[in-house]
Amino acid sequence: MPRSSFGFESDTPRHASWSPDGSLLAVAIGTSVVLYDPCTNVPQHTFVCRESPRPHQAHFIGPSGRFLVVISGLDLVVWNVVSRSGMRIPMNVVGVR
């Protein structure tokens, strides 16, 4: 039985992933990735992916989960969760077709 449920801007989530320590839940929804506190369901931050609309997936990377990779169409956006800054990387640069 689910402990809780939540929504965001009446859109259907496309992907969710946990930070390595379980303290954050990243949910790809709409044109954003929202970081939630899983204990309270309160959004902690929203990363708006203007460069890559409609993110398909979001994954925490690194042992501390400091970075969040957002996959959308033909782009990757790597967000620094601490500084909340991002960098877009076209997939053709990394050899993905």
PDB file of N, CA and C in Angstrom:
ATOM      1  N   MET A   1       0.836  -1.161   0.000  1.00  0.00           N
ATOM      2  CA  MET A   1       0.000   0.000   0.000  1.00  0.00           C
ATOM      3  C   MET A   1       0.896   1.244   0.000  1.00  0.00           C
ATOM      4  N   PRO A   2       0.642   2.196  -0.890  1.00  0.00           N
ATOM      5  CA  PRO A   2       1.452   3.412  -0.940  1.00  0.00           C
ATOM      6  C   PRO A   2       1.325   4.225   0.346  1.00  0.00           C
ATOM      7  N   ARG A   3       2.453   4.812   0.743  1.00  0.00           N
ATOM      8  CA  ARG A   3       2.463   5.683   1.914  1.00  0.00           C
ATOM      9  C   ARG A   3       1.860   7.034   1.583  1.00  0.00           C
ATOM     10  N   SER A   4       2.121   7.511   0.355  1.00  0.00           N
ATOM     11  CA  SER A   4       1.647   8.834  -0.026  1.00  0.00           C
ATOM     12  C   SER A   4       1.619   8.951  -1.540  1.00  0.00           C
ATOM     13  N   SER A   5       0.987  10.005  -2.003  1.00  0.00           N
ATOM     14  CA  SER A   5       0.979  10.307  -3.432  1.00  0.00           C
ATOM     15  C   SER A   5       1.009  11.823  -3.579  1.00  0.00           C
ATOM     16  N   PHE A   6       1.411  12.277  -4.751  1.00  0.00           N
ATOM     17  CA  PHE A   6       1.472  13.711  -4.994  1.00  0.00           C
ATOM     18  C   PHE A   6       1.408  13.960  -6.480  1.00  0.00           C
ATOM     19  N   GLY A   7       1.172  15.203  -6.861  1.00  0.00           N
ATOM     20  CA  GLY A   7       1.120  15.585  -8.262  1.00  0.00           C
ATOM     21  C   GLY A   7       1.835  16.902  -8.462  1.00  0.00           C
ATOM     22  N   PHE A   8       2.053  17.242  -9.721  1.00  0.00           N
ATOM     23  CA  PHE A   8       2.740  18.481 -10.057  1.00  0.00           C
ATOM     24  C   PHE A   8       2.203  18.988 -11.374  1.00  0.00           C
ATOM     25  N   GLU A   9       1.569  20.141 -11.355  1.00  0.00           N
ATOM     26  CA  GLU A   9       1.055  20.791 -12.567  1.00  0.00           C
ATOM     27  C   GLU A   9       0.195  19.878 -13.424  1.00  0.00           C
ATOM     28  N   SER A  10      -0.541  18.997 -12.824  1.00  0.00           N
ATOM     29  CA  SER A  10      -1.483  18.079 -13.487  1.00  0.00           C
ATOM     30  C   SER A  10      -0.895  17.341 -14.682  1.00  0.00           C
ATOM     31  N   ASP A  11       0.398  17.083 -14.675  1.00  0.00           N
ATOM     32  CA  ASP A  11       1.053  16.318 -15.734  1.00  0.00           C
ATOM     33  C   ASP A  11       1.429  14.952 -15.174  1.00  0.00           C
ATOM     34  N   THR A  12       1.600  13.987 -16.047  1.00  0.00           N
ATOM     35  CA  THR A  12       1.967  12.637 -15.635  1.00  0.00           C
ATOM     36  C   THR A  12       3.487  12.507 -15.554  1.00  0.00           C
ATOM     37  N   PRO A  13       4.018  12.042 -14.437  1.00  0.00           N
ATOM     38  CA  PRO A  13       5.469  11.842 -14.339  1.00  0.00           C
ATOM     39  C   PRO A  13       5.941  10.809 -15.362  1.00  0.00           C
ATOM     40  N   ARG A  14       7.129  11.045 -15.938  1.00  0.00           N
ATOM     41  CA  ARG A  14       7.699  10.119 -16.914  1.00  0.00           C
ATOM     42  C   ARG A  14       8.805   9.263 -16.328  1.00  0.00           C
ATOM     43  N   HIS A  15       9.447   9.730 -15.262  1.00  0.00           N
ATOM     44  CA  HIS A  15      10.549   8.969 -14.681  1.00  0.00           C
ATOM     45  C   HIS A  15      10.817   9.475 -13.278  1.00  0.00           C
ATOM     46  N   ALA A  16      11.276   8.602 -12.417  1.00  0.00           N
ATOM     47  CA  ALA A  16      11.669   8.997 -11.061  1.00  0.00           C
ATOM     48  C   ALA A  16      12.933   8.245 -10.673  1.00  0.00           C
ATOM     49  N   SER A  17      13.782   8.903  -9.882  1.00  0.00           N
ATOM     50  CA  SER A  17      14.991   8.243  -9.401  1.00  0.00           C
ATOM     51  C   SER A  17      15.370   8.800  -8.037  1.00  0.00           C
ATOM     52  N   TRP A  18      15.967   7.929  -7.228  1.00  0.00           N
ATOM     53  CA  TRP A  18      16.387   8.283  -5.871  1.00  0.00           C
ATOM     54  C   TRP A  18      17.837   8.733  -5.863  1.00  0.00           C
ATOM     55  N   SER A  19      18.151   9.698  -4.981  1.00  0.00           N
ATOM     56  CA  SER A  19      19.548  10.049  -4.745  1.00  0.00           C
ATOM     57  C   SER A  19      20.212   8.870  -4.031  1.00  0.00           C
ATOM     58  N   PRO A  20      21.550   8.751  -4.123  1.00  0.00           N
ATOM     59  CA  PRO A  20      22.219   7.599  -3.506  1.00  0.00           C
ATOM     60  C   PRO A  20      21.919   7.417  -2.016  1.00  0.00           C
ATOM     61  N   ASP A  21      21.738   8.502  -1.273  1.00  0.00           N
ATOM     62  CA  ASP A  21      21.459   8.370   0.159  1.00  0.00           C
ATOM     63  C   ASP A  21      19.960   8.333   0.476  1.00  0.00           C
ATOM     64  N   GLY A  22      19.115   8.400  -0.552  1.00  0.00           N
ATOM     65  CA  GLY A  22      17.672   8.319  -0.360  1.00  0.00           C
ATOM     66  C   GLY A  22      17.035   9.589   0.173  1.00  0.00           C
ATOM     67  N   SER A  23      17.782  10.694   0.210  1.00  0.00           N
ATOM     68  CA  SER A  23      17.243  11.930   0.777  1.00  0.00           C
ATOM     69  C   SER A  23      16.454  12.768  -0.216  1.00  0.00           C
ATOM     70  N   LEU A  24      16.561  12.459  -1.510  1.00  0.00           N
ATOM     71  CA  LEU A  24      15.834  13.200  -2.540  1.00  0.00           C
ATOM     72  C   LEU A  24      15.251  12.232  -3.562  1.00  0.00           C
ATOM     73  N   LEU A  25      14.122  12.604  -4.110  1.00  0.00           N
ATOM     74  CA  LEU A  25      13.485  11.882  -5.202  1.00  0.00           C
ATOM     75  C   LEU A  25      13.359  12.852  -6.368  1.00  0.00           C
ATOM     76  N   ALA A  26      13.974  12.524  -7.496  1.00  0.00           N
ATOM     77  CA  ALA A  26      13.890  13.352  -8.706  1.00  0.00           C
ATOM     78  C   ALA A  26      12.778  12.799  -9.586  1.00  0.00           C
ATOM     79  N   VAL A  27      11.861  13.669  -9.999  1.00  0.00           N
ATOM     80  CA  VAL A  27      10.738  13.252 -10.834  1.00  0.00           C
ATOM     81  C   VAL A  27      10.732  14.102 -12.103  1.00  0.00           C
ATOM     82  N   ALA A  28      10.853  13.438 -13.271  1.00  0.00           N
ATOM     83  CA  ALA A  28      10.769  14.120 -14.566  1.00  0.00           C
ATOM     84  C   ALA A  28       9.299  14.267 -14.911  1.00  0.00           C
ATOM     85  N   ILE A  29       8.881  15.524 -15.038  1.00  0.00           N
ATOM     86  CA  ILE A  29       7.470  15.799 -15.282  1.00  0.00           C
ATOM     87  C   ILE A  29       7.345  17.118 -16.042  1.00  0.00           C
ATOM     88  N   GLY A  30       6.506  17.156 -17.043  1.00  0.00           N
ATOM     89  CA  GLY A  30       6.342  18.374 -17.839  1.00  0.00           C
ATOM     90  C   GLY A  30       7.658  18.776 -18.479  1.00  0.00           C
ATOM     91  N   THR A  31       8.041  20.029 -18.334  1.00  0.00           N
ATOM     92  CA  THR A  31       9.316  20.523 -18.868  1.00  0.00           C
ATOM     93  C   THR A  31      10.369  20.621 -17.775  1.00  0.00           C
ATOM     94  N   SER A  32      10.141  19.932 -16.653  1.00  0.00           N
ATOM     95  CA  SER A  32      10.990  20.091 -15.481  1.00  0.00           C
ATOM     96  C   SER A  32      11.381  18.762 -14.868  1.00  0.00           C
ATOM     97  N   VAL A  33      12.345  18.860 -13.963  1.00  0.00           N
ATOM     98  CA  VAL A  33      12.648  17.775 -13.041  1.00  0.00           C
ATOM     99  C   VAL A  33      12.516  18.376 -11.647  1.00  0.00           C
ATOM    100  N   VAL A  34      11.646  17.788 -10.845  1.00  0.00           N
ATOM    101  CA  VAL A  34      11.373  18.299  -9.509  1.00  0.00           C
ATOM    102  C   VAL A  34      12.056  17.393  -8.494  1.00  0.00           C
ATOM    103  N   LEU A  35      12.790  18.011  -7.546  1.00  0.00           N
ATOM    104  CA  LEU A  35      13.399  17.268  -6.449  1.00  0.00           C
ATOM    105  C   LEU A  35      12.482  17.351  -5.248  1.00  0.00           C
ATOM    106  N   TYR A  36      12.074  16.190  -4.726  1.00  0.00           N
ATOM    107  CA  TYR A  36      11.176  16.118  -3.579  1.00  0.00           C
ATOM    108  C   TYR A  36      11.899  15.578  -2.355  1.00  0.00           C
ATOM    109  N   ASP A  37      11.498  16.059  -1.202  1.00  0.00           N
ATOM    110  CA  ASP A  37      11.882  15.437   0.062  1.00  0.00           C
ATOM    111  C   ASP A  37      10.939  14.248   0.230  1.00  0.00           C
ATOM    112  N   PRO A  38      11.448  13.015   0.240  1.00  0.00           N
ATOM    113  CA  PRO A  38      10.552  11.853   0.278  1.00  0.00           C
ATOM    114  C   PRO A  38       9.825  11.664   1.600  1.00  0.00           C
ATOM    115  N   CYS A  39      10.292  12.300   2.663  1.00  0.00           N
ATOM    116  CA  CYS A  39       9.619  12.165   3.957  1.00  0.00           C
ATOM    117  C   CYS A  39       8.396  13.061   4.055  1.00  0.00           C
ATOM    118  N   THR A  40       8.459  14.245   3.426  1.00  0.00           N
ATOM    119  CA  THR A  40       7.365  15.211   3.537  1.00  0.00           C
ATOM    120  C   THR A  40       6.598  15.425   2.233  1.00  0.00           C
ATOM    121  N   ASN A  41       7.146  14.936   1.122  1.00  0.00           N
ATOM    122  CA  ASN A  41       6.590  15.158  -0.222  1.00  0.00           C
ATOM    123  C   ASN A  41       6.648  16.622  -0.644  1.00  0.00           C
ATOM    124  N   VAL A  42       7.444  17.424   0.018  1.00  0.00           N
ATOM    125  CA  VAL A  42       7.572  18.844  -0.296  1.00  0.00           C
ATOM    126  C   VAL A  42       8.637  19.021  -1.377  1.00  0.00           C
ATOM    127  N   PRO A  43       8.307  19.733  -2.469  1.00  0.00           N
ATOM    128  CA  PRO A  43       9.327  20.000  -3.494  1.00  0.00           C
ATOM    129  C   PRO A  43      10.459  20.839  -2.903  1.00  0.00           C
ATOM    130  N   GLN A  44      11.701  20.413  -3.151  1.00  0.00           N
ATOM    131  CA  GLN A  44      12.873  21.130  -2.659  1.00  0.00           C
ATOM    132  C   GLN A  44      13.438  22.075  -3.713  1.00  0.00           C
ATOM    133  N   HIS A  45      13.332  21.679  -4.976  1.00  0.00           N
ATOM    134  CA  HIS A  45      13.813  22.521  -6.074  1.00  0.00           C
ATOM    135  C   HIS A  45      13.242  21.991  -7.380  1.00  0.00           C
ATOM    136  N   THR A  46      13.046  22.892  -8.326  1.00  0.00           N
ATOM    137  CA  THR A  46      12.594  22.509  -9.662  1.00  0.00           C
ATOM    138  C   THR A  46      13.633  22.949 -10.675  1.00  0.00           C
ATOM    139  N   PHE A  47      14.161  21.993 -11.427  1.00  0.00           N
ATOM    140  CA  PHE A  47      15.088  22.289 -12.511  1.00  0.00           C
ATOM    141  C   PHE A  47      14.270  22.383 -13.793  1.00  0.00           C
ATOM    142  N   VAL A  48      14.247  23.549 -14.391  1.00  0.00           N
ATOM    143  CA  VAL A  48      13.509  23.761 -15.632  1.00  0.00           C
ATOM    144  C   VAL A  48      14.482  23.554 -16.779  1.00  0.00           C
ATOM    145  N   CYS A  49      14.149  22.640 -17.657  1.00  0.00           N
ATOM    146  CA  CYS A  49      15.035  22.271 -18.764  1.00  0.00           C
ATOM    147  C   CYS A  49      14.611  23.012 -20.025  1.00  0.00           C
ATOM    148  N   ARG A  50      14.901  24.297 -20.089  1.00  0.00           N
ATOM    149  CA  ARG A  50      14.524  25.092 -21.267  1.00  0.00           C
ATOM    150  C   ARG A  50      15.229  24.582 -22.518  1.00  0.00           C
ATOM    151  N   GLU A  51      16.480  24.147 -22.349  1.00  0.00           N
ATOM    152  CA  GLU A  51      17.259  23.670 -23.495  1.00  0.00           C
ATOM    153  C   GLU A  51      16.749  22.328 -23.999  1.00  0.00           C
ATOM    154  N   SER A  52      16.163  21.552 -23.123  1.00  0.00           N
ATOM    155  CA  SER A  52      15.709  20.206 -23.458  1.00  0.00           C
ATOM    156  C   SER A  52      14.295  19.995 -22.932  1.00  0.00           C
ATOM    157  N   PRO A  53      13.316  20.470 -23.666  1.00  0.00           N
ATOM    158  CA  PRO A  53      11.946  20.313 -23.181  1.00  0.00           C
ATOM    159  C   PRO A  53      11.534  18.846 -23.110  1.00  0.00           C
ATOM    160  N   ARG A  54      10.632  18.555 -22.199  1.00  0.00           N
ATOM    161  CA  ARG A  54      10.071  17.210 -22.010  1.00  0.00           C
ATOM    162  C   ARG A  54      11.145  16.187 -21.650  1.00  0.00           C
ATOM    163  N   PRO A  55      11.775  16.325 -20.496  1.00  0.00           N
ATOM    164  CA  PRO A  55      12.772  15.340 -20.085  1.00  0.00           C
ATOM    165  C   PRO A  55      12.159  13.950 -19.956  1.00  0.00           C
ATOM    166  N   HIS A  56      12.890  12.943 -20.454  1.00  0.00           N
ATOM    167  CA  HIS A  56      12.425  11.556 -20.415  1.00  0.00           C
ATOM    168  C   HIS A  56      12.890  10.832 -19.160  1.00  0.00           C
ATOM    169  N   GLN A  57      14.115  11.150 -18.728  1.00  0.00           N
ATOM    170  CA  GLN A  57      14.694  10.475 -17.577  1.00  0.00           C
ATOM    171  C   GLN A  57      15.556  11.451 -16.789  1.00  0.00           C
ATOM    172  N   ALA A  58      15.732  11.160 -15.509  1.00  0.00           N
ATOM    173  CA  ALA A  58      16.636  11.920 -14.653  1.00  0.00           C
ATOM    174  C   ALA A  58      17.321  10.925 -13.727  1.00  0.00           C
ATOM    175  N   HIS A  59      18.649  10.993 -13.661  1.00  0.00           N
ATOM    176  CA  HIS A  59      19.426  10.054 -12.853  1.00  0.00           C
ATOM    177  C   HIS A  59      20.466  10.804 -12.031  1.00  0.00           C
ATOM    178  N   PHE A  60      20.527  10.506 -10.745  1.00  0.00           N
ATOM    179  CA  PHE A  60      21.612  11.020  -9.919  1.00  0.00           C
ATOM    180  C   PHE A  60      22.872  10.249 -10.278  1.00  0.00           C
ATOM    181  N   ILE A  61      24.004  10.958 -10.353  1.00  0.00           N
ATOM    182  CA  ILE A  61      25.265  10.287 -10.648  1.00  0.00           C
ATOM    183  C   ILE A  61      26.315  10.719  -9.630  1.00  0.00           C
ATOM    184  N   GLY A  62      27.342   9.917  -9.536  1.00  0.00           N
ATOM    185  CA  GLY A  62      28.402  10.165  -8.576  1.00  0.00           C
ATOM    186  C   GLY A  62      28.054   9.552  -7.231  1.00  0.00           C
ATOM    187  N   PRO A  63      29.064   9.252  -6.424  1.00  0.00           N
ATOM    188  CA  PRO A  63      28.823   8.596  -5.135  1.00  0.00           C
ATOM    189  C   PRO A  63      27.981   9.427  -4.168  1.00  0.00           C
ATOM    190  N   SER A  64      28.062  10.741  -4.271  1.00  0.00           N
ATOM    191  CA  SER A  64      27.278  11.589  -3.370  1.00  0.00           C
ATOM    192  C   SER A  64      25.953  12.026  -3.990  1.00  0.00           C
ATOM    193  N   GLY A  65      25.759  11.760  -5.295  1.00  0.00           N
ATOM    194  CA  GLY A  65      24.539  12.195  -5.968  1.00  0.00           C
ATOM    195  C   GLY A  65      24.490  13.686  -6.196  1.00  0.00           C
ATOM    196  N   ARG A  66      25.653  14.312  -6.255  1.00  0.00           N
ATOM    197  CA  ARG A  66      25.706  15.769  -6.418  1.00  0.00           C
ATOM    198  C   ARG A  66      25.227  16.210  -7.796  1.00  0.00           C
ATOM    199  N   PHE A  67      25.316  15.330  -8.779  1.00  0.00           N
ATOM    200  CA  PHE A  67      24.930  15.680 -10.144  1.00  0.00           C
ATOM    201  C   PHE A  67      23.696  14.905 -10.570  1.00  0.00           C
ATOM    202  N   LEU A  68      22.886  15.571 -11.375  1.00  0.00           N
ATOM    203  CA  LEU A  68      21.667  14.985 -11.897  1.00  0.00           C
ATOM    204  C   LEU A  68      21.735  15.081 -13.415  1.00  0.00           C
ATOM    205  N   VAL A  69      21.674  13.943 -14.094  1.00  0.00           N
ATOM    206  CA  VAL A  69      21.683  13.924 -15.551  1.00  0.00           C
ATOM    207  C   VAL A  69      20.245  13.804 -16.027  1.00  0.00           C
ATOM    208  N   VAL A  70      19.844  14.743 -16.882  1.00  0.00           N
ATOM    209  CA  VAL A  70      18.500  14.759 -17.432  1.00  0.00           C
ATOM    210  C   VAL A  70      18.604  14.439 -18.918  1.00  0.00           C
ATOM    211  N   ILE A  71      17.882  13.408 -19.348  1.00  0.00           N
ATOM    212  CA  ILE A  71      17.900  12.968 -20.740  1.00  0.00           C
ATOM    213  C   ILE A  71      16.606  13.417 -21.397  1.00  0.00           C
ATOM    214  N   SER A  72      16.760  14.116 -22.531  1.00  0.00           N
ATOM    215  CA  SER A  72      15.600  14.640 -23.231  1.00  0.00           C
ATOM    216  C   SER A  72      15.894  14.690 -24.715  1.00  0.00           C
ATOM    217  N   GLY A  73      15.135  13.950 -25.490  1.00  0.00           N
ATOM    218  CA  GLY A  73      15.310  13.983 -26.943  1.00  0.00           C
ATOM    219  C   GLY A  73      16.741  13.715 -27.346  1.00  0.00           C
ATOM    220  N   LEU A  74      17.378  14.708 -27.948  1.00  0.00           N
ATOM    221  CA  LEU A  74      18.749  14.553 -28.428  1.00  0.00           C
ATOM    222  C   LEU A  74      19.762  15.271 -27.539  1.00  0.00           C
ATOM    223  N   ASP A  75      19.390  15.565 -26.303  1.00  0.00           N
ATOM    224  CA  ASP A  75      20.263  16.303 -25.410  1.00  0.00           C
ATOM    225  C   ASP A  75      20.371  15.651 -24.043  1.00  0.00           C
ATOM    226  N   LEU A  76      21.496  15.929 -23.392  1.00  0.00           N
ATOM    227  CA  LEU A  76      21.677  15.646 -21.969  1.00  0.00           C
ATOM    228  C   LEU A  76      21.868  16.989 -21.280  1.00  0.00           C
ATOM    229  N   VAL A  77      21.327  17.143 -20.107  1.00  0.00           N
ATOM    230  CA  VAL A  77      21.627  18.305 -19.288  1.00  0.00           C
ATOM    231  C   VAL A  77      22.157  17.758 -17.977  1.00  0.00           C
ATOM    232  N   VAL A  78      23.342  18.223 -17.582  1.00  0.00           N
ATOM    233  CA  VAL A  78      23.936  17.805 -16.321  1.00  0.00           C
ATOM    234  C   VAL A  78      23.770  18.957 -15.339  1.00  0.00           C
ATOM    235  N   TRP A  79      23.038  18.713 -14.262  1.00  0.00           N
ATOM    236  CA  TRP A  79      22.780  19.721 -13.235  1.00  0.00           C
ATOM    237  C   TRP A  79      23.631  19.427 -12.024  1.00  0.00           C
ATOM    238  N   ASN A  80      24.235  20.462 -11.462  1.00  0.00           N
ATOM    239  CA  ASN A  80      24.884  20.370 -10.171  1.00  0.00           C
ATOM    240  C   ASN A  80      23.792  20.655  -9.147  1.00  0.00           C
ATOM    241  N   VAL A  81      23.433  19.668  -8.351  1.00  0.00           N
ATOM    242  CA  VAL A  81      22.314  19.797  -7.420  1.00  0.00           C
ATOM    243  C   VAL A  81      22.613  20.839  -6.342  1.00  0.00           C
ATOM    244  N   VAL A  82      23.885  20.958  -5.950  1.00  0.00           N
ATOM    245  CA  VAL A  82      24.245  21.896  -4.887  1.00  0.00           C
ATOM    246  C   VAL A  82      24.217  23.340  -5.377  1.00  0.00           C
ATOM    247  N   SER A  83      24.900  23.614  -6.505  1.00  0.00           N
ATOM    248  CA  SER A  83      24.950  24.993  -7.017  1.00  0.00           C
ATOM    249  C   SER A  83      23.746  25.339  -7.892  1.00  0.00           C
ATOM    250  N   ARG A  84      22.987  24.308  -8.289  1.00  0.00           N
ATOM    251  CA  ARG A  84      21.798  24.464  -9.141  1.00  0.00           C
ATOM    252  C   ARG A  84      22.132  25.075 -10.494  1.00  0.00           C
ATOM    253  N   SER A  85      23.302  24.732 -10.998  1.00  0.00           N
ATOM    254  CA  SER A  85      23.707  25.188 -12.325  1.00  0.00           C
ATOM    255  C   SER A  85      23.729  23.974 -13.259  1.00  0.00           C
ATOM    256  N   GLY A  86      23.477  24.232 -14.550  1.00  0.00           N
ATOM    257  CA  GLY A  86      23.412  23.137 -15.498  1.00  0.00           C
ATOM    258  C   GLY A  86      24.222  23.394 -16.747  1.00  0.00           C
ATOM    259  N   MET A  87      24.505  22.305 -17.461  1.00  0.00           N
ATOM    260  CA  MET A  87      25.222  22.391 -18.715  1.00  0.00           C
ATOM    261  C   MET A  87      24.589  21.412 -19.704  1.00  0.00           C
ATOM    262  N   ARG A  88      24.221  21.905 -20.879  1.00  0.00           N
ATOM    263  CA  ARG A  88      23.616  21.088 -21.938  1.00  0.00           C
ATOM    264  C   ARG A  88      24.714  20.452 -22.760  1.00  0.00           C
ATOM    265  N   ILE A  89      24.540  19.143 -23.051  1.00  0.00           N
ATOM    266  CA  ILE A  89      25.490  18.408 -23.890  1.00  0.00           C
ATOM    267  C   ILE A  89      24.689  17.721 -24.997  1.00  0.00           C
ATOM    268  N   PRO A  90      24.852  18.161 -26.258  1.00  0.00           N
ATOM    269  CA  PRO A  90      24.152  17.470 -27.353  1.00  0.00           C
ATOM    270  C   PRO A  90      24.616  16.015 -27.427  1.00  0.00           C
ATOM    271  N   MET A  91      23.695  15.081 -27.614  1.00  0.00           N
ATOM    272  CA  MET A  91      24.051  13.660 -27.631  1.00  0.00           C
ATOM    273  C   MET A  91      24.985  13.312 -28.776  1.00  0.00           C
ATOM    274  N   ASN A  92      24.951  14.069 -29.875  1.00  0.00           N
ATOM    275  CA  ASN A  92      25.867  13.736 -30.970  1.00  0.00           C
ATOM    276  C   ASN A  92      27.314  14.009 -30.570  1.00  0.00           C
ATOM    277  N   VAL A  93      27.532  14.835 -29.555  1.00  0.00           N
ATOM    278  CA  VAL A  93      28.886  15.098 -29.045  1.00  0.00           C
ATOM    279  C   VAL A  93      29.412  13.896 -28.288  1.00  0.00           C
ATOM    280  N   VAL A  94      28.522  13.173 -27.593  1.00  0.00           N
ATOM    281  CA  VAL A  94      28.947  12.020 -26.818  1.00  0.00           C
ATOM    282  C   VAL A  94      28.806  10.716 -27.598  1.00  0.00           C
ATOM    283  N   GLY A  95      28.458  10.799 -28.872  1.00  0.00           N
ATOM    284  CA  GLY A  95      28.413   9.627 -29.730  1.00  0.00           C
ATOM    285  C   GLY A  95      27.146   8.815 -29.660  1.00  0.00           C
ATOM    286  N   VAL A  96      26.070   9.352 -29.146  1.00  0.00           N
ATOM    287  CA  VAL A  96      24.790   8.659 -29.087  1.00  0.00           C
ATOM    288  C   VAL A  96      23.961   9.117 -30.267  1.00  0.00           C
ATOM    289  N   ARG A  97      23.342   8.169 -30.958  1.00  0.00           N
ATOM    290  CA  ARG A  97      22.501   8.509 -32.110  1.00  0.00           C
ATOM    291  C   ARG A  97      21.101   8.059 -31.916  1.00  0.00           C
TER     292      ARG A  97
END
